[in-house]
Amino acid sequence: DGRFGSSLGNRRKRFLRSVGRVTVGKLCMS
């Protein structure tokens, strides 16, 4: 129905979840 929902109420946590691949990226860069 076009309603937005999230399991995380904190916008910063949503951001960190969105870009979660940076942790594996750190392993790749090192």
Full PDB file with SEQRES, HELIX, SHEET, SSBOND, CRYST1, ORIGX, SCALE, CONECT and MASTER records, all heavy atoms in Angstrom:
SEQRES   1 A   30  ASP GLY ARG PHE GLY SER SER LEU GLY ASN ARG ARG LYS          
SEQRES   2 A   30  ARG PHE LEU ARG SER VAL GLY ARG VAL THR VAL GLY LYS          
SEQRES   3 A   30  LEU CYS MET SER                                              
HELIX    1 AA1 ARG A   11  SER A   18  1                                   8    
HELIX    2 AA2 VAL A   22  MET A   29  1                                   8    
CRYST1    1.000    1.000    1.000  90.00  90.00  90.00 P 1           1          
ORIGX1      1.000000  0.000000  0.000000        0.00000                         
ORIGX2      0.000000  1.000000  0.000000        0.00000                         
ORIGX3      0.000000  0.000000  1.000000        0.00000                         
SCALE1      1.000000  0.000000  0.000000        0.00000                         
SCALE2      0.000000  1.000000  0.000000        0.00000                         
SCALE3      0.000000  0.000000  1.000000        0.00000                         
ATOM      1  N   ASP A   1       0.811  -1.212   0.000  1.00  0.00           N  
ATOM      2  CA  ASP A   1       0.000   0.000   0.000  1.00  0.00           C  
ATOM      3  C   ASP A   1       0.849   1.270   0.000  1.00  0.00           C  
ATOM      4  O   ASP A   1       0.311   2.380   0.151  1.00  0.00           O  
ATOM      5  CB  ASP A   1      -0.924   0.003   1.233  1.00  0.00           C  
ATOM      6  CG  ASP A   1      -1.928  -1.146   1.191  1.00  0.00           C  
ATOM      7  OD1 ASP A   1      -2.443  -1.431   0.089  1.00  0.00           O  
ATOM      8  OD2 ASP A   1      -2.164  -1.752   2.246  1.00  0.00           O  
ATOM      9  N   GLY A   2       2.163   1.107  -0.150  1.00  0.00           N  
ATOM     10  CA  GLY A   2       3.052   2.263  -0.225  1.00  0.00           C  
ATOM     11  C   GLY A   2       3.425   2.859   1.109  1.00  0.00           C  
ATOM     12  O   GLY A   2       3.935   3.974   1.169  1.00  0.00           O  
ATOM     13  N   ARG A   3       3.215   2.113   2.188  1.00  0.00           N  
ATOM     14  CA  ARG A   3       3.584   2.612   3.503  1.00  0.00           C  
ATOM     15  C   ARG A   3       5.001   2.153   3.837  1.00  0.00           C  
ATOM     16  O   ARG A   3       5.334   0.968   3.663  1.00  0.00           O  
ATOM     17  CB  ARG A   3       2.602   2.115   4.563  1.00  0.00           C  
ATOM     18  CG  ARG A   3       1.231   2.756   4.478  1.00  0.00           C  
ATOM     19  CD  ARG A   3       0.267   2.135   5.446  1.00  0.00           C  
ATOM     20  NE  ARG A   3       0.076   0.705   5.170  1.00  0.00           N  
ATOM     21  CZ  ARG A   3      -0.985   0.010   5.558  1.00  0.00           C  
ATOM     22  NH1 ARG A   3      -1.957   0.595   6.228  1.00  0.00           N  
ATOM     23  NH2 ARG A   3      -1.071  -1.278   5.282  1.00  0.00           N  
ATOM     24  N   PHE A   4       5.798   3.086   4.324  1.00  0.00           N  
ATOM     25  CA  PHE A   4       7.188   2.784   4.670  1.00  0.00           C  
ATOM     26  C   PHE A   4       7.270   2.219   6.081  1.00  0.00           C  
ATOM     27  O   PHE A   4       6.614   2.703   6.999  1.00  0.00           O  
ATOM     28  CB  PHE A   4       8.054   4.046   4.580  1.00  0.00           C  
ATOM     29  CG  PHE A   4       9.491   3.833   5.018  1.00  0.00           C  
ATOM     30  CD1 PHE A   4      10.417   3.262   4.156  1.00  0.00           C  
ATOM     31  CD2 PHE A   4       9.902   4.197   6.298  1.00  0.00           C  
ATOM     32  CE1 PHE A   4      11.731   3.058   4.566  1.00  0.00           C  
ATOM     33  CE2 PHE A   4      11.210   3.990   6.712  1.00  0.00           C  
ATOM     34  CZ  PHE A   4      12.130   3.416   5.837  1.00  0.00           C  
ATOM     35  N   GLY A   5       8.086   1.179   6.242  1.00  0.00           N  
ATOM     36  CA  GLY A   5       8.301   0.597   7.558  1.00  0.00           C  
ATOM     37  C   GLY A   5       9.752   0.199   7.738  1.00  0.00           C  
ATOM     38  O   GLY A   5      10.463  -0.069   6.765  1.00  0.00           O  
ATOM     39  N   SER A   6      10.196   0.178   8.977  1.00  0.00           N  
ATOM     40  CA  SER A   6      11.585  -0.170   9.274  1.00  0.00           C  
ATOM     41  C   SER A   6      11.676  -0.874  10.613  1.00  0.00           C  
ATOM     42  O   SER A   6      10.949  -0.550  11.555  1.00  0.00           O  
ATOM     43  CB  SER A   6      12.463   1.093   9.297  1.00  0.00           C  
ATOM     44  OG  SER A   6      13.771   0.795   9.729  1.00  0.00           O  
ATOM     45  N   SER A   7      12.594  -1.853  10.678  1.00  0.00           N  
ATOM     46  CA  SER A   7      12.854  -2.527  11.958  1.00  0.00           C  
ATOM     47  C   SER A   7      13.761  -1.697  12.843  1.00  0.00           C  
ATOM     48  O   SER A   7      13.970  -2.030  14.008  1.00  0.00           O  
ATOM     49  CB  SER A   7      13.503  -3.892  11.698  1.00  0.00           C  
ATOM     50  OG  SER A   7      14.754  -3.727  11.020  1.00  0.00           O  
ATOM     51  N   LEU A   8      14.308  -0.604  12.276  1.00  0.00           N  
ATOM     52  CA  LEU A   8      15.224   0.265  13.012  1.00  0.00           C  
ATOM     53  C   LEU A   8      14.641   1.663  13.085  1.00  0.00           C  
ATOM     54  O   LEU A   8      14.399   2.304  12.067  1.00  0.00           O  
ATOM     55  CB  LEU A   8      16.594   0.316  12.326  1.00  0.00           C  
ATOM     56  CG  LEU A   8      17.321  -1.028  12.149  1.00  0.00           C  
ATOM     57  CD1 LEU A   8      18.576  -0.843  11.321  1.00  0.00           C  
ATOM     58  CD2 LEU A   8      17.661  -1.640  13.508  1.00  0.00           C  
ATOM     59  N   GLY A   9      14.433   2.152  14.275  1.00  0.00           N  
ATOM     60  CA  GLY A   9      13.862   3.480  14.425  1.00  0.00           C  
ATOM     61  C   GLY A   9      14.880   4.595  14.271  1.00  0.00           C  
ATOM     62  O   GLY A   9      14.522   5.758  14.059  1.00  0.00           O  
ATOM     63  N   ASN A  10      16.154   4.251  14.374  1.00  0.00           N  
ATOM     64  CA  ASN A  10      17.234   5.233  14.310  1.00  0.00           C  
ATOM     65  C   ASN A  10      17.727   5.374  12.876  1.00  0.00           C  
ATOM     66  O   ASN A  10      18.126   4.393  12.246  1.00  0.00           O  
ATOM     67  CB  ASN A  10      18.371   4.775  15.233  1.00  0.00           C  
ATOM     68  CG  ASN A  10      19.485   5.777  15.352  1.00  0.00           C  
ATOM     69  OD1 ASN A  10      20.040   6.209  14.346  1.00  0.00           O  
ATOM     70  ND2 ASN A  10      19.820   6.146  16.577  1.00  0.00           N  
ATOM     71  N   ARG A  11      17.704   6.603  12.335  1.00  0.00           N  
ATOM     72  CA  ARG A  11      18.129   6.807  10.946  1.00  0.00           C  
ATOM     73  C   ARG A  11      19.604   6.461  10.744  1.00  0.00           C  
ATOM     74  O   ARG A  11      19.984   5.979   9.686  1.00  0.00           O  
ATOM     75  CB  ARG A  11      17.855   8.247  10.508  1.00  0.00           C  
ATOM     76  CG  ARG A  11      16.395   8.553  10.270  1.00  0.00           C  
ATOM     77  CD  ARG A  11      16.225   9.820   9.458  1.00  0.00           C  
ATOM     78  NE  ARG A  11      16.746  10.983  10.146  1.00  0.00           N  
ATOM     79  CZ  ARG A  11      16.036  11.781  10.927  1.00  0.00           C  
ATOM     80  NH1 ARG A  11      14.743  11.517  11.132  1.00  0.00           N  
ATOM     81  NH2 ARG A  11      16.575  12.838  11.511  1.00  0.00           N  
ATOM     82  N   ARG A  12      20.435   6.707  11.752  1.00  0.00           N  
ATOM     83  CA  ARG A  12      21.853   6.372  11.620  1.00  0.00           C  
ATOM     84  C   ARG A  12      22.046   4.859  11.490  1.00  0.00           C  
ATOM     85  O   ARG A  12      22.876   4.396  10.708  1.00  0.00           O  
ATOM     86  CB  ARG A  12      22.650   6.904  12.819  1.00  0.00           C  
ATOM     87  CG  ARG A  12      24.131   6.547  12.738  1.00  0.00           C  
ATOM     88  CD  ARG A  12      24.965   7.230  13.800  1.00  0.00           C  
ATOM     89  NE  ARG A  12      26.355   6.786  13.738  1.00  0.00           N  
ATOM     90  CZ  ARG A  12      27.236   7.230  12.851  1.00  0.00           C  
ATOM     91  NH1 ARG A  12      26.884   8.127  11.951  1.00  0.00           N  
ATOM     92  NH2 ARG A  12      28.479   6.785  12.865  1.00  0.00           N  
ATOM     93  N   LYS A  13      21.277   4.090  12.253  1.00  0.00           N  
ATOM     94  CA  LYS A  13      21.378   2.635  12.151  1.00  0.00           C  
ATOM     95  C   LYS A  13      20.925   2.153  10.774  1.00  0.00           C  
ATOM     96  O   LYS A  13      21.483   1.185  10.234  1.00  0.00           O  
ATOM     97  CB  LYS A  13      20.555   1.971  13.254  1.00  0.00           C  
ATOM     98  CG  LYS A  13      21.147   2.151  14.650  1.00  0.00           C  
ATOM     99  CD  LYS A  13      20.298   1.463  15.699  1.00  0.00           C  
ATOM    100  CE  LYS A  13      20.896   1.640  17.088  1.00  0.00           C  
ATOM    101  NZ  LYS A  13      20.061   0.987  18.126  1.00  0.00           N  
ATOM    102  N   ARG A  14      19.933   2.805  10.200  1.00  0.00           N  
ATOM    103  CA  ARG A  14      19.505   2.435   8.850  1.00  0.00           C  
ATOM    104  C   ARG A  14      20.629   2.689   7.845  1.00  0.00           C  
ATOM    105  O   ARG A  14      20.867   1.885   6.942  1.00  0.00           O  
ATOM    106  CB  ARG A  14      18.269   3.242   8.457  1.00  0.00           C  
ATOM    107  CG  ARG A  14      17.037   2.943   9.284  1.00  0.00           C  
ATOM    108  CD  ARG A  14      15.898   3.883   8.927  1.00  0.00           C  
ATOM    109  NE  ARG A  14      14.804   3.766   9.891  1.00  0.00           N  
ATOM    110  CZ  ARG A  14      13.744   4.571   9.907  1.00  0.00           C  
ATOM    111  NH1 ARG A  14      13.641   5.567   9.022  1.00  0.00           N  
ATOM    112  NH2 ARG A  14      12.801   4.403  10.806  1.00  0.00           N  
ATOM    113  N   PHE A  15      21.311   3.818   8.017  1.00  0.00           N  
ATOM    114  CA  PHE A  15      22.439   4.123   7.138  1.00  0.00           C  
ATOM    115  C   PHE A  15      23.530   3.061   7.265  1.00  0.00           C  
ATOM    116  O   PHE A  15      24.035   2.554   6.255  1.00  0.00           O  
ATOM    117  CB  PHE A  15      23.010   5.497   7.486  1.00  0.00           C  
ATOM    118  CG  PHE A  15      24.391   5.732   6.958  1.00  0.00           C  
ATOM    119  CD1 PHE A  15      24.607   5.964   5.605  1.00  0.00           C  
ATOM    120  CD2 PHE A  15      25.490   5.697   7.810  1.00  0.00           C  
ATOM    121  CE1 PHE A  15      25.889   6.158   5.117  1.00  0.00           C  
ATOM    122  CE2 PHE A  15      26.773   5.894   7.334  1.00  0.00           C  
ATOM    123  CZ  PHE A  15      26.973   6.127   5.973  1.00  0.00           C  
ATOM    124  N   LEU A  16      23.883   2.712   8.499  1.00  0.00           N  
ATOM    125  CA  LEU A  16      24.937   1.725   8.707  1.00  0.00           C  
ATOM    126  C   LEU A  16      24.554   0.371   8.125  1.00  0.00           C  
ATOM    127  O   LEU A  16      25.414  -0.345   7.595  1.00  0.00           O  
ATOM    128  CB  LEU A  16      25.252   1.599  10.206  1.00  0.00           C  
ATOM    129  CG  LEU A  16      25.878   2.840  10.855  1.00  0.00           C  
ATOM    130  CD1 LEU A  16      26.008   2.643  12.360  1.00  0.00           C  
ATOM    131  CD2 LEU A  16      27.235   3.160  10.232  1.00  0.00           C  
ATOM    132  N   ARG A  17      23.284   0.039   8.216  1.00  0.00           N  
ATOM    133  CA  ARG A  17      22.833  -1.222   7.608  1.00  0.00           C  
ATOM    134  C   ARG A  17      22.925  -1.143   6.091  1.00  0.00           C  
ATOM    135  O   ARG A  17      23.327  -2.113   5.436  1.00  0.00           O  
ATOM    136  CB  ARG A  17      21.388  -1.506   8.044  1.00  0.00           C  
ATOM    137  CG  ARG A  17      20.722  -2.669   7.323  1.00  0.00           C  
ATOM    138  CD  ARG A  17      21.433  -3.986   7.582  1.00  0.00           C  
ATOM    139  NE  ARG A  17      20.762  -5.080   6.890  1.00  0.00           N  
ATOM    140  CZ  ARG A  17      20.951  -5.402   5.606  1.00  0.00           C  
ATOM    141  NH1 ARG A  17      21.786  -4.683   4.868  1.00  0.00           N  
ATOM    142  NH2 ARG A  17      20.300  -6.410   5.069  1.00  0.00           N  
ATOM    143  N   SER A  18      22.592  -0.001   5.517  1.00  0.00           N  
ATOM    144  CA  SER A  18      22.633   0.153   4.064  1.00  0.00           C  
ATOM    145  C   SER A  18      24.046  -0.020   3.524  1.00  0.00           C  
ATOM    146  O   SER A  18      24.249  -0.598   2.446  1.00  0.00           O  
ATOM    147  CB  SER A  18      22.084   1.522   3.652  1.00  0.00           C  
ATOM    148  OG  SER A  18      20.706   1.632   3.945  1.00  0.00           O  
ATOM    149  N   VAL A  19      25.032   0.513   4.245  1.00  0.00           N  
ATOM    150  CA  VAL A  19      26.416   0.473   3.759  1.00  0.00           C  
ATOM    151  C   VAL A  19      27.237  -0.549   4.541  1.00  0.00           C  
ATOM    152  O   VAL A  19      28.455  -0.406   4.708  1.00  0.00           O  
ATOM    153  CB  VAL A  19      27.072   1.867   3.829  1.00  0.00           C  
ATOM    154  CG1 VAL A  19      26.322   2.853   2.953  1.00  0.00           C  
ATOM    155  CG2 VAL A  19      27.141   2.384   5.270  1.00  0.00           C  
ATOM    156  N   GLY A  20      26.575  -1.604   4.985  1.00  0.00           N  
ATOM    157  CA  GLY A  20      27.247  -2.611   5.801  1.00  0.00           C  
ATOM    158  C   GLY A  20      28.408  -3.297   5.133  1.00  0.00           C  
ATOM    159  O   GLY A  20      29.278  -3.861   5.808  1.00  0.00           O  
ATOM    160  N   ARG A  21      28.468  -3.239   3.818  1.00  0.00           N  
ATOM    161  CA  ARG A  21      29.544  -3.910   3.091  1.00  0.00           C  
ATOM    162  C   ARG A  21      30.908  -3.252   3.290  1.00  0.00           C  
ATOM    163  O   ARG A  21      31.926  -3.796   2.848  1.00  0.00           O  
ATOM    164  CB  ARG A  21      29.206  -3.957   1.610  1.00  0.00           C  
ATOM    165  CG  ARG A  21      28.412  -5.195   1.231  1.00  0.00           C  
ATOM    166  CD  ARG A  21      29.333  -6.378   1.019  1.00  0.00           C  
ATOM    167  NE  ARG A  21      28.656  -7.648   1.154  1.00  0.00           N  
ATOM    168  CZ  ARG A  21      29.240  -8.822   0.863  1.00  0.00           C  
ATOM    169  NH1 ARG A  21      30.476  -8.864   0.438  1.00  0.00           N  
ATOM    170  NH2 ARG A  21      28.577  -9.933   1.037  1.00  0.00           N  
ATOM    171  N   VAL A  22      30.948  -2.095   3.915  1.00  0.00           N  
ATOM    172  CA  VAL A  22      32.251  -1.446   4.111  1.00  0.00           C  
ATOM    173  C   VAL A  22      33.138  -2.259   5.056  1.00  0.00           C  
ATOM    174  O   VAL A  22      34.372  -2.143   5.000  1.00  0.00           O  
ATOM    175  CB  VAL A  22      32.107   0.003   4.635  1.00  0.00           C  
ATOM    176  CG1 VAL A  22      31.391   0.874   3.623  1.00  0.00           C  
ATOM    177  CG2 VAL A  22      31.414   0.034   5.990  1.00  0.00           C  
ATOM    178  N   THR A  23      32.554  -3.086   5.906  1.00  0.00           N  
ATOM    179  CA  THR A  23      33.386  -3.904   6.801  1.00  0.00           C  
ATOM    180  C   THR A  23      34.174  -4.927   6.002  1.00  0.00           C  
ATOM    181  O   THR A  23      35.386  -5.083   6.192  1.00  0.00           O  
ATOM    182  CB  THR A  23      32.525  -4.596   7.868  1.00  0.00           C  
ATOM    183  OG1 THR A  23      31.881  -3.606   8.669  1.00  0.00           O  
ATOM    184  CG2 THR A  23      33.386  -5.476   8.762  1.00  0.00           C  
ATOM    185  N   VAL A  24      33.503  -5.633   5.095  1.00  0.00           N  
ATOM    186  CA  VAL A  24      34.230  -6.555   4.220  1.00  0.00           C  
ATOM    187  C   VAL A  24      35.205  -5.767   3.345  1.00  0.00           C  
ATOM    188  O   VAL A  24      36.300  -6.249   3.027  1.00  0.00           O  
ATOM    189  CB  VAL A  24      33.251  -7.374   3.358  1.00  0.00           C  
ATOM    190  CG1 VAL A  24      34.006  -8.290   2.390  1.00  0.00           C  
ATOM    191  CG2 VAL A  24      32.336  -8.209   4.245  1.00  0.00           C  
ATOM    192  N   GLY A  25      34.820  -4.544   2.979  1.00  0.00           N  
ATOM    193  CA  GLY A  25      35.721  -3.697   2.215  1.00  0.00           C  
ATOM    194  C   GLY A  25      37.010  -3.411   2.961  1.00  0.00           C  
ATOM    195  O   GLY A  25      38.096  -3.344   2.362  1.00  0.00           O  
ATOM    196  N   LYS A  26      36.933  -3.235   4.279  1.00  0.00           N  
ATOM    197  CA  LYS A  26      38.147  -3.035   5.082  1.00  0.00           C  
ATOM    198  C   LYS A  26      39.044  -4.268   5.009  1.00  0.00           C  
ATOM    199  O   LYS A  26      40.281  -4.163   4.937  1.00  0.00           O  
ATOM    200  CB  LYS A  26      37.774  -2.728   6.528  1.00  0.00           C  
ATOM    201  CG  LYS A  26      37.132  -1.361   6.745  1.00  0.00           C  
ATOM    202  CD  LYS A  26      36.795  -1.147   8.207  1.00  0.00           C  
ATOM    203  CE  LYS A  26      36.260   0.264   8.479  1.00  0.00           C  
ATOM    204  NZ  LYS A  26      34.960   0.520   7.864  1.00  0.00           N  
ATOM    205  N   LEU A  27      38.441  -5.441   5.051  1.00  0.00           N  
ATOM    206  CA  LEU A  27      39.220  -6.668   4.911  1.00  0.00           C  
ATOM    207  C   LEU A  27      39.887  -6.736   3.543  1.00  0.00           C  
ATOM    208  O   LEU A  27      41.034  -7.187   3.419  1.00  0.00           O  
ATOM    209  CB  LEU A  27      38.325  -7.890   5.119  1.00  0.00           C  
ATOM    210  CG  LEU A  27      37.833  -8.137   6.546  1.00  0.00           C  
ATOM    211  CD1 LEU A  27      36.707  -9.165   6.555  1.00  0.00           C  
ATOM    212  CD2 LEU A  27      38.988  -8.604   7.434  1.00  0.00           C  
ATOM    213  N   CYS A  28      39.187  -6.296   2.519  1.00  0.00           N  
ATOM    214  CA  CYS A  28      39.741  -6.317   1.164  1.00  0.00           C  
ATOM    215  C   CYS A  28      40.879  -5.307   1.018  1.00  0.00           C  
ATOM    216  O   CYS A  28      41.915  -5.605   0.401  1.00  0.00           O  
ATOM    217  CB  CYS A  28      38.649  -6.026   0.139  1.00  0.00           C  
ATOM    218  SG  CYS A  28      37.402  -7.334  -0.016  1.00  0.00           S  
ATOM    219  N   MET A  29      40.691  -4.107   1.553  1.00  0.00           N  
ATOM    220  CA  MET A  29      41.739  -3.089   1.441  1.00  0.00           C  
ATOM    221  C   MET A  29      42.995  -3.501   2.205  1.00  0.00           C  
ATOM    222  O   MET A  29      44.115  -3.323   1.722  1.00  0.00           O  
ATOM    223  CB  MET A  29      41.226  -1.749   1.961  1.00  0.00           C  
ATOM    224  CG  MET A  29      40.188  -1.080   1.066  1.00  0.00           C  
ATOM    225  SD  MET A  29      40.821  -0.697  -0.597  1.00  0.00           S  
ATOM    226  CE  MET A  29      40.136  -2.089  -1.546  1.00  0.00           C  
ATOM    227  N   SER A  30      42.824  -4.033   3.399  1.00  0.00           N  
ATOM    228  CA  SER A  30      44.003  -4.471   4.151  1.00  0.00           C  
ATOM    229  C   SER A  30      44.675  -5.647   3.456  1.00  0.00           C  
ATOM    230  O   SER A  30      45.910  -5.751   3.455  1.00  0.00           O  
ATOM    231  CB  SER A  30      43.636  -4.822   5.597  1.00  0.00           C  
ATOM    232  OG  SER A  30      42.551  -5.717   5.660  1.00  0.00           O  
TER     233      SER A  30                                                      
MASTER        0    0    0    2    0    0    0    6  232    1    0    3          
END                                                                             
